[in-house]
Amino acid sequence: MPMESSESVAAVARQIADAARQVGVTRARARQIANLVLPAPAIQEAILVGELRLIERQFRNVVPLVNWDEQRNRVDHLSSPAAFG
């Protein structure tokens, strides 16, 4: 996966900040929402078809992981009964 230039990262940050102002949420909250598109396709599909149920707070611990295998491992841990114990 190619590294993003600092200019493109800054441009995305500006877009998120602009969107946050337009809808009346904080930049942090807008970033959390924007990050919801980052999970591996298999995780997205499992959520969409109802095979995986996580609350958003749990899900936020998955999306920062860039590696999709690491994301799946985290989801497996979070969705196990012991994770809610």
Protein backbone atom coordinates (compact mmCIF):
# COMPACT_ATOMS: atom_id res chain seq x y z
CA MET A 1 0.00 0.00 0.00
CA PRO A 2 1.58 3.31 -1.06
CA MET A 3 2.19 5.95 1.57
CA GLU A 4 0.05 9.03 1.21
CA SER A 5 1.77 12.36 0.75
CA SER A 6 1.49 14.87 3.53
CA GLU A 7 -0.39 17.17 1.13
CA SER A 8 -3.11 14.58 0.46
CA VAL A 9 -3.42 13.79 4.17
CA ALA A 10 -3.77 17.51 4.88
CA ALA A 11 -6.39 17.81 2.12
CA VAL A 12 -8.44 14.97 3.62
CA ALA A 13 -8.15 16.55 7.07
CA ARG A 14 -9.45 19.84 5.65
CA GLN A 15 -12.35 18.07 3.94
CA ILE A 16 -13.30 16.32 7.18
CA ALA A 17 -13.07 19.60 9.11
CA ASP A 18 -15.26 21.33 6.49
CA ALA A 19 -17.83 18.54 6.62
CA ALA A 20 -17.86 18.67 10.42
CA ARG A 21 -18.59 22.39 10.38
CA GLN A 22 -21.37 21.95 7.81
CA VAL A 23 -23.22 19.29 9.78
CA GLY A 24 -22.47 20.68 13.23
CA VAL A 25 -20.27 17.96 14.74
CA THR A 26 -16.73 18.06 16.05
CA ARG A 27 -13.80 17.23 13.78
CA ALA A 28 -13.09 14.20 15.97
CA ARG A 29 -16.64 12.89 15.51
CA ALA A 30 -16.51 13.52 11.75
CA ARG A 31 -13.22 11.60 11.61
CA GLN A 32 -14.78 8.70 13.52
CA ILE A 33 -17.64 8.59 11.04
CA ALA A 34 -15.32 8.87 8.02
CA ASN A 35 -13.20 5.98 9.35
CA LEU A 36 -16.19 3.64 9.24
CA VAL A 37 -15.40 2.94 5.58
CA LEU A 38 -11.91 1.57 6.35
CA PRO A 39 -12.62 -2.03 7.46
CA ALA A 40 -11.82 -5.03 5.32
CA PRO A 41 -14.50 -5.86 2.75
CA ALA A 42 -15.31 -9.14 4.52
CA ILE A 43 -16.01 -7.25 7.76
CA GLN A 44 -18.19 -4.71 5.96
CA GLU A 45 -20.17 -7.50 4.31
CA ALA A 46 -20.63 -9.40 7.59
CA ILE A 47 -22.06 -6.26 9.17
CA LEU A 48 -24.33 -5.49 6.22
CA VAL A 49 -25.84 -8.98 6.10
CA GLY A 50 -26.27 -9.14 9.88
CA GLU A 51 -23.67 -11.82 10.59
CA LEU A 52 -21.59 -9.47 12.74
CA ARG A 53 -23.00 -7.17 15.36
CA LEU A 54 -20.75 -4.71 17.10
CA ILE A 55 -21.56 -1.45 18.75
CA GLU A 56 -19.86 1.56 17.20
CA ARG A 57 -17.52 2.03 20.15
CA GLN A 58 -16.15 -1.50 19.65
CA PHE A 59 -15.93 -0.95 15.93
CA ARG A 60 -13.81 2.17 16.40
CA ASN A 61 -11.10 -0.07 17.87
CA VAL A 62 -10.96 -2.01 14.60
CA VAL A 63 -10.83 0.72 11.97
CA PRO A 64 -7.42 2.24 12.87
CA LEU A 65 -5.76 -1.08 12.02
CA VAL A 66 -4.44 -0.84 8.47
CA ASN A 67 -3.83 -4.56 8.01
CA TRP A 68 -7.06 -6.38 7.18
CA ASP A 69 -5.87 -9.59 8.88
CA GLU A 70 -5.31 -7.61 12.09
CA GLN A 71 -8.79 -6.14 11.71
CA ARG A 72 -10.30 -9.63 11.38
CA ASN A 73 -8.38 -10.83 14.43
CA ARG A 74 -9.64 -7.86 16.46
CA VAL A 75 -13.23 -8.44 15.27
CA ASP A 76 -12.97 -12.14 16.15
CA HIS A 77 -11.86 -11.16 19.66
CA LEU A 78 -14.56 -8.50 20.06
CA SER A 79 -17.35 -10.73 18.83
CA SER A 80 -16.43 -13.62 21.13
CA PRO A 81 -18.58 -14.05 24.26
CA ALA A 82 -15.51 -13.58 26.48
CA ALA A 83 -15.03 -10.05 25.08
CA PHE A 84 -18.31 -9.01 26.68
CA GLY A 85 -17.69 -10.80 29.96
